[in-house]
Amino acid sequence: MINEKLFHEKYTHFDKETVAEIIDIFIKEYQERIDKLNQNLESRNLEELLKNAHAFKGSISNFDMGSKAYKGIAKMEEEVRPLLQEMQQGRTLSQNEEEAFFESLENTFEDFKRDSRRLTGQIKELRKHYVS
């Protein structure tokens, strides 16, 4: 749940139109970001997955760094980053290791999608405070 008091304090120096625009950008880009992460998982492209997860985390941080959605996308990053670094240094995964890793990551992604949909609903409600 977004802490509205903290959100309003964070954006106290912004005019309402700017805050509404920040919200609108998040809402507009939401599905595209989910789709990119899904594509990255399907293609097992860890570099792009890490890049897109990090960008999405930054976008979510504009609203609530304590949310389950923020924690979920951060968890995805935390799962991917060390393995990617090891693979860049030459580590290879067995088929079983790869399957187990991606199954776990897909579960994390499913949790994130559920939590981020809730967060997006809360953000849409929050927007009502910033439009006339």
N, C-alpha and C. Protein backbone atom coordinates (compact mmCIF):
# COMPACT_ATOMS: atom_id res chain seq x y z
N MET A 1 0.84 -1.18 0.00
CA MET A 1 0.00 0.00 0.00
C MET A 1 0.89 1.24 0.00
N ILE A 2 0.59 2.14 -0.89
CA ILE A 2 1.37 3.39 -0.97
C ILE A 2 1.11 4.22 0.28
N ASN A 3 2.17 4.72 0.86
CA ASN A 3 2.05 5.64 1.98
C ASN A 3 1.79 7.02 1.37
N GLU A 4 0.52 7.40 1.34
CA GLU A 4 0.15 8.65 0.67
C GLU A 4 0.79 9.87 1.31
N LYS A 5 0.91 9.86 2.62
CA LYS A 5 1.52 11.00 3.31
C LYS A 5 2.96 11.19 2.83
N LEU A 6 3.72 10.10 2.79
CA LEU A 6 5.11 10.20 2.32
C LEU A 6 5.18 10.59 0.85
N PHE A 7 4.24 10.05 0.06
CA PHE A 7 4.21 10.40 -1.36
C PHE A 7 3.98 11.90 -1.53
N HIS A 8 2.98 12.43 -0.84
CA HIS A 8 2.67 13.85 -0.96
C HIS A 8 3.85 14.71 -0.47
N GLU A 9 4.51 14.27 0.59
CA GLU A 9 5.68 15.00 1.08
C GLU A 9 6.82 14.97 0.06
N LYS A 10 7.01 13.83 -0.58
CA LYS A 10 8.08 13.67 -1.57
C LYS A 10 7.89 14.64 -2.74
N TYR A 11 6.63 14.87 -3.10
CA TYR A 11 6.33 15.71 -4.26
C TYR A 11 5.76 17.06 -3.89
N THR A 12 6.02 17.51 -2.68
CA THR A 12 5.47 18.77 -2.20
C THR A 12 5.94 19.98 -3.01
N HIS A 13 7.12 19.89 -3.62
CA HIS A 13 7.67 21.02 -4.37
C HIS A 13 7.29 20.98 -5.86
N PHE A 14 6.50 19.99 -6.24
CA PHE A 14 6.07 19.85 -7.63
C PHE A 14 4.63 20.36 -7.75
N ASP A 15 4.32 20.94 -8.90
CA ASP A 15 2.92 21.32 -9.11
C ASP A 15 2.12 20.06 -9.44
N LYS A 16 0.80 20.16 -9.28
CA LYS A 16 -0.07 18.99 -9.46
C LYS A 16 0.02 18.40 -10.87
N GLU A 17 0.18 19.25 -11.86
CA GLU A 17 0.26 18.77 -13.24
C GLU A 17 1.50 17.90 -13.45
N THR A 18 2.59 18.28 -12.84
CA THR A 18 3.83 17.50 -12.97
C THR A 18 3.68 16.15 -12.30
N VAL A 19 3.09 16.12 -11.12
CA VAL A 19 2.89 14.85 -10.42
C VAL A 19 1.95 13.96 -11.22
N ALA A 20 0.88 14.54 -11.75
CA ALA A 20 -0.05 13.77 -12.58
C ALA A 20 0.67 13.22 -13.81
N GLU A 21 1.57 13.99 -14.38
CA GLU A 21 2.34 13.53 -15.54
C GLU A 21 3.25 12.36 -15.18
N ILE A 22 3.89 12.43 -14.02
CA ILE A 22 4.75 11.33 -13.55
C ILE A 22 3.90 10.06 -13.41
N ILE A 23 2.74 10.21 -12.84
CA ILE A 23 1.82 9.08 -12.67
C ILE A 23 1.39 8.55 -14.03
N ASP A 24 1.01 9.46 -14.94
CA ASP A 24 0.55 9.04 -16.26
C ASP A 24 1.64 8.28 -17.04
N ILE A 25 2.86 8.73 -16.92
CA ILE A 25 3.97 8.05 -17.60
C ILE A 25 4.12 6.63 -17.06
N PHE A 26 4.05 6.49 -15.76
CA PHE A 26 4.16 5.15 -15.16
C PHE A 26 3.06 4.25 -15.68
N ILE A 27 1.83 4.75 -15.65
CA ILE A 27 0.68 3.94 -16.08
C ILE A 27 0.80 3.59 -17.57
N LYS A 28 1.19 4.56 -18.37
CA LYS A 28 1.33 4.34 -19.82
C LYS A 28 2.40 3.29 -20.13
N GLU A 29 3.51 3.32 -19.41
CA GLU A 29 4.63 2.43 -19.69
C GLU A 29 4.54 1.08 -18.98
N TYR A 30 3.59 0.96 -18.07
CA TYR A 30 3.53 -0.23 -17.22
C TYR A 30 3.50 -1.53 -18.03
N GLN A 31 2.53 -1.67 -18.94
CA GLN A 31 2.38 -2.94 -19.65
C GLN A 31 3.59 -3.23 -20.54
N GLU A 32 4.14 -2.21 -21.15
CA GLU A 32 5.32 -2.39 -21.99
C GLU A 32 6.50 -2.91 -21.15
N ARG A 33 6.65 -2.40 -19.94
CA ARG A 33 7.73 -2.87 -19.07
C ARG A 33 7.51 -4.33 -18.66
N ILE A 34 6.27 -4.68 -18.34
CA ILE A 34 5.95 -6.07 -18.00
C ILE A 34 6.26 -6.97 -19.19
N ASP A 35 5.85 -6.54 -20.38
CA ASP A 35 6.07 -7.34 -21.59
C ASP A 35 7.56 -7.54 -21.85
N LYS A 36 8.36 -6.50 -21.65
CA LYS A 36 9.80 -6.64 -21.86
C LYS A 36 10.40 -7.66 -20.90
N LEU A 37 10.01 -7.58 -19.64
CA LEU A 37 10.53 -8.54 -18.67
C LEU A 37 10.11 -9.96 -19.04
N ASN A 38 8.88 -10.11 -19.47
CA ASN A 38 8.39 -11.41 -19.88
C ASN A 38 9.19 -11.94 -21.08
N GLN A 39 9.44 -11.09 -22.06
CA GLN A 39 10.24 -11.48 -23.22
C GLN A 39 11.66 -11.86 -22.80
N ASN A 40 12.23 -11.08 -21.89
CA ASN A 40 13.58 -11.38 -21.41
C ASN A 40 13.64 -12.73 -20.73
N LEU A 41 12.61 -13.04 -19.95
CA LEU A 41 12.54 -14.35 -19.29
C LEU A 41 12.38 -15.47 -20.32
N GLU A 42 11.49 -15.27 -21.27
CA GLU A 42 11.25 -16.31 -22.28
C GLU A 42 12.50 -16.59 -23.10
N SER A 43 13.24 -15.54 -23.44
CA SER A 43 14.45 -15.71 -24.24
C SER A 43 15.68 -16.02 -23.37
N ARG A 44 15.46 -15.96 -22.05
CA ARG A 44 16.52 -16.21 -21.07
C ARG A 44 17.71 -15.26 -21.26
N ASN A 45 17.38 -14.03 -21.56
CA ASN A 45 18.38 -12.98 -21.77
C ASN A 45 18.59 -12.25 -20.44
N LEU A 46 19.56 -12.72 -19.68
CA LEU A 46 19.79 -12.17 -18.34
C LEU A 46 20.27 -10.73 -18.35
N GLU A 47 21.07 -10.36 -19.36
CA GLU A 47 21.56 -8.98 -19.42
C GLU A 47 20.41 -8.00 -19.59
N GLU A 48 19.53 -8.28 -20.54
CA GLU A 48 18.38 -7.40 -20.77
C GLU A 48 17.41 -7.46 -19.60
N LEU A 49 17.25 -8.63 -19.02
CA LEU A 49 16.37 -8.77 -17.86
C LEU A 49 16.85 -7.90 -16.71
N LEU A 50 18.14 -7.94 -16.44
CA LEU A 50 18.70 -7.12 -15.37
C LEU A 50 18.52 -5.64 -15.67
N LYS A 51 18.80 -5.25 -16.89
CA LYS A 51 18.66 -3.84 -17.29
C LYS A 51 17.21 -3.38 -17.15
N ASN A 52 16.28 -4.17 -17.64
CA ASN A 52 14.87 -3.78 -17.60
C ASN A 52 14.30 -3.84 -16.19
N ALA A 53 14.73 -4.81 -15.40
CA ALA A 53 14.27 -4.88 -14.00
C ALA A 53 14.77 -3.66 -13.22
N HIS A 54 16.02 -3.29 -13.45
CA HIS A 54 16.58 -2.13 -12.75
C HIS A 54 15.82 -0.85 -13.12
N ALA A 55 15.52 -0.69 -14.40
CA ALA A 55 14.79 0.50 -14.84
C ALA A 55 13.38 0.53 -14.24
N PHE A 56 12.72 -0.62 -14.21
CA PHE A 56 11.37 -0.70 -13.66
C PHE A 56 11.41 -0.41 -12.16
N LYS A 57 12.43 -0.91 -11.48
CA LYS A 57 12.57 -0.65 -10.05
C LYS A 57 12.69 0.86 -9.80
N GLY A 58 13.45 1.54 -10.63
CA GLY A 58 13.59 2.98 -10.50
C GLY A 58 12.27 3.70 -10.69
N SER A 59 11.49 3.23 -11.64
CA SER A 59 10.18 3.82 -11.89
C SER A 59 9.25 3.62 -10.69
N ILE A 60 9.26 2.42 -10.13
CA ILE A 60 8.42 2.13 -8.97
C ILE A 60 8.87 2.95 -7.75
N SER A 61 10.17 3.21 -7.65
CA SER A 61 10.69 3.95 -6.50
C SER A 61 10.13 5.37 -6.43
N ASN A 62 9.62 5.87 -7.54
CA ASN A 62 8.97 7.18 -7.52
C ASN A 62 7.73 7.19 -6.65
N PHE A 63 7.19 6.01 -6.37
CA PHE A 63 5.92 5.92 -5.65
C PHE A 63 6.08 5.33 -4.26
N ASP A 64 6.77 4.22 -4.14
CA ASP A 64 6.88 3.59 -2.82
C ASP A 64 7.95 2.52 -2.82
N MET A 65 9.06 2.83 -2.18
CA MET A 65 10.17 1.87 -2.11
C MET A 65 9.90 0.76 -1.10
N GLY A 66 8.87 0.90 -0.31
CA GLY A 66 8.54 -0.12 0.67
C GLY A 66 7.47 -1.09 0.19
N SER A 67 6.98 -0.88 -1.02
CA SER A 67 5.89 -1.71 -1.52
C SER A 67 6.37 -3.12 -1.85
N LYS A 68 5.42 -4.05 -1.88
CA LYS A 68 5.74 -5.42 -2.28
C LYS A 68 6.25 -5.45 -3.72
N ALA A 69 5.70 -4.59 -4.56
CA ALA A 69 6.15 -4.54 -5.96
C ALA A 69 7.62 -4.13 -6.03
N TYR A 70 7.99 -3.11 -5.29
CA TYR A 70 9.39 -2.67 -5.29
C TYR A 70 10.29 -3.80 -4.78
N LYS A 71 9.88 -4.43 -3.69
CA LYS A 71 10.68 -5.51 -3.13
C LYS A 71 10.77 -6.69 -4.09
N GLY A 72 9.69 -6.94 -4.84
CA GLY A 72 9.68 -8.04 -5.79
C GLY A 72 10.62 -7.82 -6.96
N ILE A 73 10.62 -6.61 -7.51
CA ILE A 73 11.51 -6.33 -8.64
C ILE A 73 12.96 -6.27 -8.16
N ALA A 74 13.17 -5.80 -6.94
CA ALA A 74 14.52 -5.80 -6.37
C ALA A 74 15.00 -7.24 -6.17
N LYS A 75 14.10 -8.13 -5.78
CA LYS A 75 14.46 -9.54 -5.61
C LYS A 75 14.87 -10.15 -6.95
N MET A 76 14.15 -9.79 -8.01
CA MET A 76 14.54 -10.29 -9.33
C MET A 76 15.96 -9.85 -9.67
N GLU A 77 16.24 -8.59 -9.43
CA GLU A 77 17.60 -8.08 -9.66
C GLU A 77 18.63 -8.87 -8.85
N GLU A 78 18.31 -9.08 -7.58
CA GLU A 78 19.23 -9.78 -6.68
C GLU A 78 19.46 -11.23 -7.11
N GLU A 79 18.46 -11.85 -7.73
CA GLU A 79 18.62 -13.21 -8.21
C GLU A 79 19.47 -13.25 -9.49
N VAL A 80 19.27 -12.27 -10.36
CA VAL A 80 19.92 -12.29 -11.67
C VAL A 80 21.36 -11.81 -11.61
N ARG A 81 21.62 -10.72 -10.90
CA ARG A 81 22.93 -10.06 -10.95
C ARG A 81 24.11 -11.00 -10.64
N PRO A 82 24.08 -11.74 -9.53
CA PRO A 82 25.27 -12.57 -9.24
C PRO A 82 25.47 -13.69 -10.27
N LEU A 83 24.38 -14.28 -10.73
CA LEU A 83 24.52 -15.35 -11.73
C LEU A 83 25.06 -14.78 -13.03
N LEU A 84 24.55 -13.65 -13.44
CA LEU A 84 25.03 -13.03 -14.67
C LEU A 84 26.52 -12.72 -14.56
N GLN A 85 26.95 -12.20 -13.42
CA GLN A 85 28.37 -11.91 -13.23
C GLN A 85 29.20 -13.19 -13.32
N GLU A 86 28.72 -14.25 -12.70
CA GLU A 86 29.44 -15.52 -12.77
C GLU A 86 29.50 -16.05 -14.20
N MET A 87 28.41 -15.92 -14.92
CA MET A 87 28.38 -16.40 -16.30
C MET A 87 29.29 -15.56 -17.19
N GLN A 88 29.39 -14.27 -16.91
CA GLN A 88 30.30 -13.41 -17.67
C GLN A 88 31.76 -13.77 -17.41
N GLN A 89 32.00 -14.43 -16.27
CA GLN A 89 33.35 -14.89 -15.94
C GLN A 89 33.59 -16.33 -16.38
N GLY A 90 32.65 -16.90 -17.11
CA GLY A 90 32.85 -18.21 -17.69
C GLY A 90 32.06 -19.35 -17.09
N ARG A 91 31.28 -19.09 -16.07
CA ARG A 91 30.50 -20.18 -15.47
C ARG A 91 29.41 -20.62 -16.44
N THR A 92 29.21 -21.90 -16.53
CA THR A 92 28.10 -22.44 -17.30
C THR A 92 27.19 -23.22 -16.37
N LEU A 93 25.92 -23.23 -16.70
CA LEU A 93 24.95 -23.94 -15.88
C LEU A 93 24.60 -25.27 -16.53
N SER A 94 24.41 -26.26 -15.70
CA SER A 94 23.87 -27.51 -16.22
C SER A 94 22.41 -27.26 -16.60
N GLN A 95 21.85 -28.15 -17.37
CA GLN A 95 20.45 -27.99 -17.76
C GLN A 95 19.54 -27.95 -16.53
N ASN A 96 19.82 -28.79 -15.54
CA ASN A 96 19.02 -28.81 -14.32
C ASN A 96 19.15 -27.49 -13.55
N GLU A 97 20.38 -26.98 -13.45
CA GLU A 97 20.59 -25.70 -12.75
C GLU A 97 19.85 -24.57 -13.47
N GLU A 98 19.94 -24.56 -14.79
CA GLU A 98 19.28 -23.52 -15.56
C GLU A 98 17.77 -23.59 -15.40
N GLU A 99 17.21 -24.79 -15.48
CA GLU A 99 15.77 -24.96 -15.33
C GLU A 99 15.32 -24.52 -13.94
N ALA A 100 16.05 -24.91 -12.91
CA ALA A 100 15.69 -24.53 -11.53
C ALA A 100 15.78 -23.02 -11.34
N PHE A 101 16.83 -22.42 -11.88
CA PHE A 101 17.00 -20.97 -11.76
C PHE A 101 15.84 -20.23 -12.41
N PHE A 102 15.52 -20.59 -13.64
CA PHE A 102 14.46 -19.87 -14.35
C PHE A 102 13.08 -20.16 -13.78
N GLU A 103 12.88 -21.34 -13.24
CA GLU A 103 11.60 -21.62 -12.59
C GLU A 103 11.42 -20.72 -11.36
N SER A 104 12.47 -20.59 -10.58
CA SER A 104 12.42 -19.71 -9.41
C SER A 104 12.21 -18.26 -9.84
N LEU A 105 12.92 -17.84 -10.86
CA LEU A 105 12.80 -16.47 -11.35
C LEU A 105 11.40 -16.20 -11.90
N GLU A 106 10.83 -17.17 -12.59
CA GLU A 106 9.46 -17.01 -13.11
C GLU A 106 8.45 -16.90 -11.97
N ASN A 107 8.66 -17.63 -10.89
CA ASN A 107 7.78 -17.51 -9.72
C ASN A 107 7.89 -16.12 -9.10
N THR A 108 9.12 -15.63 -8.99
CA THR A 108 9.34 -14.28 -8.47
C THR A 108 8.63 -13.26 -9.38
N PHE A 109 8.73 -13.46 -10.69
CA PHE A 109 8.10 -12.55 -11.65
C PHE A 109 6.58 -12.59 -11.52
N GLU A 110 6.01 -13.75 -11.34
CA GLU A 110 4.55 -13.86 -11.17
C GLU A 110 4.10 -13.10 -9.92
N ASP A 111 4.84 -13.26 -8.82
CA ASP A 111 4.53 -12.51 -7.60
C ASP A 111 4.64 -11.00 -7.85
N PHE A 112 5.70 -10.61 -8.55
CA PHE A 112 5.90 -9.20 -8.87
C PHE A 112 4.75 -8.65 -9.70
N LYS A 113 4.32 -9.41 -10.71
CA LYS A 113 3.22 -8.93 -11.56
C LYS A 113 1.96 -8.70 -10.74
N ARG A 114 1.65 -9.63 -9.87
CA ARG A 114 0.46 -9.48 -9.01
C ARG A 114 0.60 -8.22 -8.15
N ASP A 115 1.74 -8.07 -7.50
CA ASP A 115 1.93 -6.92 -6.61
C ASP A 115 2.01 -5.60 -7.38
N SER A 116 2.59 -5.63 -8.56
CA SER A 116 2.69 -4.39 -9.34
C SER A 116 1.33 -3.98 -9.90
N ARG A 117 0.46 -4.94 -10.20
CA ARG A 117 -0.91 -4.58 -10.63
C ARG A 117 -1.64 -3.87 -9.49
N ARG A 118 -1.46 -4.38 -8.27
CA ARG A 118 -2.08 -3.72 -7.10
C ARG A 118 -1.54 -2.31 -6.93
N LEU A 119 -0.21 -2.19 -7.04
CA LEU A 119 0.42 -0.88 -6.91
C LEU A 119 -0.10 0.08 -7.98
N THR A 120 -0.24 -0.41 -9.19
CA THR A 120 -0.73 0.43 -10.28
C THR A 120 -2.15 0.90 -10.00
N GLY A 121 -2.98 0.04 -9.44
CA GLY A 121 -4.32 0.44 -9.05
C GLY A 121 -4.29 1.55 -8.00
N GLN A 122 -3.39 1.42 -7.04
CA GLN A 122 -3.26 2.44 -6.00
C GLN A 122 -2.76 3.76 -6.60
N ILE A 123 -1.85 3.64 -7.56
CA ILE A 123 -1.32 4.84 -8.22
C ILE A 123 -2.43 5.56 -8.98
N LYS A 124 -3.29 4.80 -9.63
CA LYS A 124 -4.42 5.41 -10.35
C LYS A 124 -5.33 6.15 -9.38
N GLU A 125 -5.55 5.57 -8.22
CA GLU A 125 -6.37 6.26 -7.20
C GLU A 125 -5.66 7.52 -6.71
N LEU A 126 -4.37 7.44 -6.52
CA LEU A 126 -3.58 8.57 -6.04
C LEU A 126 -3.63 9.72 -7.04
N ARG A 127 -3.70 9.39 -8.30
CA ARG A 127 -3.74 10.41 -9.36
C ARG A 127 -4.91 11.37 -9.17
N LYS A 128 -6.00 10.88 -8.61
CA LYS A 128 -7.20 11.70 -8.43
C LYS A 128 -6.92 12.95 -7.58
N HIS A 129 -5.90 12.87 -6.73
CA HIS A 129 -5.53 14.03 -5.90
C HIS A 129 -4.82 15.13 -6.69
N TYR A 130 -4.39 14.78 -7.91
CA TYR A 130 -3.54 15.70 -8.67
C TYR A 130 -4.18 16.22 -9.95
N VAL A 131 -5.43 15.87 -10.18
CA VAL A 131 -6.12 16.39 -11.37
C VAL A 131 -7.37 17.14 -10.93
N SER A 132 -7.71 18.12 -11.70
CA SER A 132 -8.88 18.96 -11.36
C SER A 132 -10.16 18.38 -11.92
